Amino acid sequence: MEKLFEAGNDHLRPNVVAYNAVMNACAYTIGDVQESNRAMEMAHSILKEMEQSPHVSPDQVTYGTLLKVCANQMPECNTRERLVEVLFKKCIREGQVGNLVLQQLKTVAGDELYTRLVGRRPDQAISLDDLPKDWWCNVIEGKWRRRRSNV
């Protein structure tokens, strides 16, 4: 898509949905350790492309899906915990901590890490209003809010 867009086909400009779909495929890749490593590398590459793109930026679906990639493609270990922490803190800085991110964080982070990052235990109910507004200020949830924010 990128090559065709750059070649002049304006109808094929990659958008956040296309990037997130490829990242979601990485989350559900099945195979040996090499396949899992390749899926992780590809997901990281997608995030970097999105961050450098003048046309698209990572959203809460991007970060939630990336956490899903970590959960599905990495064994439970210190490296995974450190990566999850870095991703969540980046998500906070971008104001993209939405419900999907919180759901995936609960799945991939151990109880101690989740509690340290969010300030609540995983078994406690939480809504976006319970978090600092700057954590979720750029989140767009649902079709209604998406339409409203584009007006």
C-alpha atoms as a PDB file:
ATOM      1  CA  MET A   1       0.000   0.000   0.000  1.00  0.00           C
ATOM      2  CA  GLU A   2       2.751   2.419   0.937  1.00  0.00           C
ATOM      3  CA  LYS A   3       4.657   1.912  -2.309  1.00  0.00           C
ATOM      4  CA  LEU A   4       1.509   2.347  -4.406  1.00  0.00           C
ATOM      5  CA  PHE A   5       0.529   5.446  -2.431  1.00  0.00           C
ATOM      6  CA  GLU A   6       4.004   6.940  -2.815  1.00  0.00           C
ATOM      7  CA  ALA A   7       3.819   6.142  -6.540  1.00  0.00           C
ATOM      8  CA  GLY A   8       0.794   8.424  -6.786  1.00  0.00           C
ATOM      9  CA  ASN A   9      -2.268   6.306  -6.006  1.00  0.00           C
ATOM     10  CA  ASP A  10      -3.972   8.571  -3.462  1.00  0.00           C
ATOM     11  CA  HIS A  11      -6.714   5.996  -2.835  1.00  0.00           C
ATOM     12  CA  LEU A  12      -4.225   3.604  -1.214  1.00  0.00           C
ATOM     13  CA  ARG A  13      -2.880   5.789   1.554  1.00  0.00           C
ATOM     14  CA  PRO A  14      -2.351   3.444   4.525  1.00  0.00           C
ATOM     15  CA  ASN A  15      -4.483   4.392   7.509  1.00  0.00           C
ATOM     16  CA  VAL A  16      -4.476   3.386  11.175  1.00  0.00           C
ATOM     17  CA  VAL A  17      -6.971   0.578  10.486  1.00  0.00           C
ATOM     18  CA  ALA A  18      -4.643  -1.033   7.922  1.00  0.00           C
ATOM     19  CA  TYR A  19      -1.623  -0.802  10.224  1.00  0.00           C
ATOM     20  CA  ASN A  20      -3.599  -2.172  13.180  1.00  0.00           C
ATOM     21  CA  ALA A  21      -4.893  -5.071  11.074  1.00  0.00           C
ATOM     22  CA  VAL A  22      -1.360  -6.143  10.191  1.00  0.00           C
ATOM     23  CA  MET A  23      -0.335  -5.828  13.842  1.00  0.00           C
ATOM     24  CA  ASN A  24      -3.341  -7.945  14.841  1.00  0.00           C
ATOM     25  CA  ALA A  25      -2.139 -10.638  12.423  1.00  0.00           C
ATOM     26  CA  CYS A  26       1.183 -10.582  14.302  1.00  0.00           C
ATOM     27  CA  ALA A  27      -0.699 -11.192  17.559  1.00  0.00           C
ATOM     28  CA  TYR A  28      -2.271 -14.354  16.156  1.00  0.00           C
ATOM     29  CA  THR A  29       0.742 -15.771  14.322  1.00  0.00           C
ATOM     30  CA  ILE A  30       1.271 -19.440  15.145  1.00  0.00           C
ATOM     31  CA  GLY A  31       4.585 -21.218  14.855  1.00  0.00           C
ATOM     32  CA  ASP A  32       7.902 -21.909  16.458  1.00  0.00           C
ATOM     33  CA  VAL A  33      10.149 -19.495  18.342  1.00  0.00           C
ATOM     34  CA  GLN A  34      11.469 -18.027  15.099  1.00  0.00           C
ATOM     35  CA  GLU A  35       7.926 -17.255  13.918  1.00  0.00           C
ATOM     36  CA  SER A  36       7.118 -15.631  17.277  1.00  0.00           C
ATOM     37  CA  ASN A  37      10.286 -13.547  17.094  1.00  0.00           C
ATOM     38  CA  ARG A  38       9.442 -12.491  13.543  1.00  0.00           C
ATOM     39  CA  ALA A  39       5.924 -11.490  14.619  1.00  0.00           C
ATOM     40  CA  MET A  40       7.387  -9.379  17.456  1.00  0.00           C
ATOM     41  CA  GLU A  41       9.871  -7.731  15.084  1.00  0.00           C
ATOM     42  CA  MET A  42       7.145  -6.973  12.570  1.00  0.00           C
ATOM     43  CA  ALA A  43       4.848  -5.475  15.222  1.00  0.00           C
ATOM     44  CA  HIS A  44       7.690  -3.267  16.470  1.00  0.00           C
ATOM     45  CA  SER A  45       8.458  -2.208  12.898  1.00  0.00           C
ATOM     46  CA  ILE A  46       4.804  -1.295  12.329  1.00  0.00           C
ATOM     47  CA  LEU A  47       4.795   0.867  15.460  1.00  0.00           C
ATOM     48  CA  LYS A  48       7.954   2.664  14.309  1.00  0.00           C
ATOM     49  CA  GLU A  49       6.490   3.255  10.834  1.00  0.00           C
ATOM     50  CA  MET A  50       3.337   4.705  12.357  1.00  0.00           C
ATOM     51  CA  GLU A  51       5.340   6.994  14.638  1.00  0.00           C
ATOM     52  CA  GLN A  52       7.332   8.314  11.671  1.00  0.00           C
ATOM     53  CA  SER A  53       4.424   8.603   9.256  1.00  0.00           C
ATOM     54  CA  PRO A  54       3.005  12.017   8.359  1.00  0.00           C
ATOM     55  CA  HIS A  55      -0.372  10.356   7.652  1.00  0.00           C
ATOM     56  CA  VAL A  56      -1.089   8.174  10.684  1.00  0.00           C
ATOM     57  CA  SER A  57      -0.353   7.933  14.409  1.00  0.00           C
ATOM     58  CA  PRO A  58      -0.669   5.021  16.826  1.00  0.00           C
ATOM     59  CA  ASP A  59      -3.983   4.956  18.686  1.00  0.00           C
ATOM     60  CA  GLN A  60      -5.310   2.984  21.630  1.00  0.00           C
ATOM     61  CA  VAL A  61      -6.071   0.035  19.328  1.00  0.00           C
ATOM     62  CA  THR A  62      -2.438   0.050  18.196  1.00  0.00           C
ATOM     63  CA  TYR A  63      -1.143  -0.061  21.767  1.00  0.00           C
ATOM     64  CA  GLY A  64      -3.732  -2.609  22.900  1.00  0.00           C
ATOM     65  CA  THR A  65      -2.905  -4.836  19.952  1.00  0.00           C
ATOM     66  CA  LEU A  66       0.810  -4.500  20.592  1.00  0.00           C
ATOM     67  CA  LEU A  67       0.231  -5.640  24.178  1.00  0.00           C
ATOM     68  CA  LYS A  68      -1.704  -8.605  22.722  1.00  0.00           C
ATOM     69  CA  VAL A  69       1.299  -9.409  20.507  1.00  0.00           C
ATOM     70  CA  CYS A  70       3.508  -9.451  23.621  1.00  0.00           C
ATOM     71  CA  ALA A  71       1.049 -11.699  25.456  1.00  0.00           C
ATOM     72  CA  ASN A  72       0.781 -14.177  22.586  1.00  0.00           C
ATOM     73  CA  GLN A  73       4.328 -14.162  21.221  1.00  0.00           C
ATOM     74  CA  MET A  74       6.550 -13.805  24.299  1.00  0.00           C
ATOM     75  CA  PRO A  75       6.968 -16.187  27.203  1.00  0.00           C
ATOM     76  CA  GLU A  76       6.396 -14.813  30.686  1.00  0.00           C
ATOM     77  CA  CYS A  77       9.767 -13.384  31.657  1.00  0.00           C
ATOM     78  CA  ASN A  78      11.495 -10.223  32.866  1.00  0.00           C
ATOM     79  CA  THR A  79      12.040  -9.033  29.294  1.00  0.00           C
ATOM     80  CA  ARG A  80       8.313  -9.202  28.569  1.00  0.00           C
ATOM     81  CA  GLU A  81       7.496  -7.332  31.795  1.00  0.00           C
ATOM     82  CA  ARG A  82      10.011  -4.579  30.944  1.00  0.00           C
ATOM     83  CA  LEU A  83       8.649  -4.280  27.398  1.00  0.00           C
ATOM     84  CA  VAL A  84       5.060  -4.102  28.653  1.00  0.00           C
ATOM     85  CA  GLU A  85       6.043  -1.367  31.109  1.00  0.00           C
ATOM     86  CA  VAL A  86       7.805   0.653  28.390  1.00  0.00           C
ATOM     87  CA  LEU A  87       4.829   0.301  26.024  1.00  0.00           C
ATOM     88  CA  PHE A  88       2.313   1.294  28.691  1.00  0.00           C
ATOM     89  CA  LYS A  89       4.342   4.352  29.690  1.00  0.00           C
ATOM     90  CA  LYS A  90       4.592   5.357  26.025  1.00  0.00           C
ATOM     91  CA  CYS A  91       0.829   4.914  25.750  1.00  0.00           C
ATOM     92  CA  ILE A  92       0.391   7.199  28.774  1.00  0.00           C
ATOM     93  CA  ARG A  93       2.616   9.868  27.183  1.00  0.00           C
ATOM     94  CA  GLU A  94       0.535   9.701  24.010  1.00  0.00           C
ATOM     95  CA  GLY A  95      -2.760   9.985  25.939  1.00  0.00           C
ATOM     96  CA  GLN A  96      -3.945   6.671  24.466  1.00  0.00           C
ATOM     97  CA  VAL A  97      -4.813   4.601  27.558  1.00  0.00           C
ATOM     98  CA  GLY A  98      -8.250   3.375  26.534  1.00  0.00           C
ATOM     99  CA  ASN A  99     -10.371   0.454  27.644  1.00  0.00           C
ATOM    100  CA  LEU A 100      -8.681  -1.912  25.179  1.00  0.00           C
ATOM    101  CA  VAL A 101      -5.253  -1.011  26.558  1.00  0.00           C
ATOM    102  CA  LEU A 102      -6.402  -1.593  30.140  1.00  0.00           C
ATOM    103  CA  GLN A 103      -7.960  -4.934  29.169  1.00  0.00           C
ATOM    104  CA  GLN A 104      -4.814  -6.125  27.407  1.00  0.00           C
ATOM    105  CA  LEU A 105      -2.564  -4.833  30.190  1.00  0.00           C
ATOM    106  CA  LYS A 106      -4.551  -6.903  32.664  1.00  0.00           C
ATOM    107  CA  THR A 107      -3.947  -9.970  30.460  1.00  0.00           C
ATOM    108  CA  VAL A 108      -0.235  -9.522  29.790  1.00  0.00           C
ATOM    109  CA  ALA A 109       1.083  -7.920  32.997  1.00  0.00           C
ATOM    110  CA  GLY A 110       1.484  -9.776  36.215  1.00  0.00           C
ATOM    111  CA  ASP A 111      -0.624  -8.583  39.151  1.00  0.00           C
ATOM    112  CA  GLU A 112       2.287  -6.693  40.715  1.00  0.00           C
ATOM    113  CA  LEU A 113       3.209  -4.859  37.505  1.00  0.00           C
ATOM    114  CA  TYR A 114      -0.409  -4.004  36.721  1.00  0.00           C
ATOM    115  CA  THR A 115      -0.907  -2.596  40.224  1.00  0.00           C
ATOM    116  CA  ARG A 116       2.296  -0.575  40.022  1.00  0.00           C
ATOM    117  CA  LEU A 117       1.415   0.878  36.601  1.00  0.00           C
ATOM    118  CA  VAL A 118      -2.302   1.559  37.082  1.00  0.00           C
ATOM    119  CA  GLY A 119      -2.471   2.128  40.834  1.00  0.00           C
ATOM    120  CA  ARG A 120      -5.179  -0.513  41.333  1.00  0.00           C
ATOM    121  CA  ARG A 121      -5.201  -4.265  41.604  1.00  0.00           C
ATOM    122  CA  PRO A 122      -6.341  -6.162  38.507  1.00  0.00           C
ATOM    123  CA  ASP A 123      -9.429  -7.445  40.352  1.00  0.00           C
ATOM    124  CA  GLN A 124     -10.634  -3.900  41.073  1.00  0.00           C
ATOM    125  CA  ALA A 125     -13.065  -2.252  38.668  1.00  0.00           C
ATOM    126  CA  ILE A 126     -11.644   0.725  36.819  1.00  0.00           C
ATOM    127  CA  SER A 127     -12.909   3.219  34.262  1.00  0.00           C
ATOM    128  CA  LEU A 128     -11.091   5.891  32.322  1.00  0.00           C
ATOM    129  CA  ASP A 129     -12.509   8.538  34.658  1.00  0.00           C
ATOM    130  CA  ASP A 130     -10.553   6.894  37.497  1.00  0.00           C
ATOM    131  CA  LEU A 131      -7.291   7.656  35.681  1.00  0.00           C
ATOM    132  CA  PRO A 132      -5.560  10.995  35.132  1.00  0.00           C
ATOM    133  CA  LYS A 133      -7.183  12.732  32.160  1.00  0.00           C
ATOM    134  CA  ASP A 134      -3.865  13.157  30.350  1.00  0.00           C
ATOM    135  CA  TRP A 135      -3.585   9.334  30.199  1.00  0.00           C
ATOM    136  CA  TRP A 136      -6.683   9.080  27.976  1.00  0.00           C
ATOM    137  CA  CYS A 137      -7.105  12.572  26.522  1.00  0.00           C
ATOM    138  CA  ASN A 138      -6.515  11.386  22.938  1.00  0.00           C
ATOM    139  CA  VAL A 139      -8.611   8.212  23.093  1.00  0.00           C
ATOM    140  CA  ILE A 140     -11.557   7.960  20.726  1.00  0.00           C
ATOM    141  CA  GLU A 141     -14.009   5.257  21.831  1.00  0.00           C
ATOM    142  CA  GLY A 142     -16.837   4.072  19.626  1.00  0.00           C
ATOM    143  CA  LYS A 143     -18.341   5.381  16.405  1.00  0.00           C
ATOM    144  CA  TRP A 144     -20.269   8.241  18.023  1.00  0.00           C
ATOM    145  CA  ARG A 145     -17.177   9.840  19.558  1.00  0.00           C
ATOM    146  CA  ARG A 146     -15.197   9.242  16.359  1.00  0.00           C
ATOM    147  CA  ARG A 147     -17.792  11.083  14.280  1.00  0.00           C
ATOM    148  CA  ARG A 148     -18.096  13.833  16.850  1.00  0.00           C
ATOM    149  CA  SER A 149     -14.341  14.399  17.014  1.00  0.00           C
ATOM    150  CA  ASN A 150     -14.131  14.734  13.222  1.00  0.00           C
ATOM    151  CA  VAL A 151     -16.703  17.555  13.115  1.00  0.00           C
END
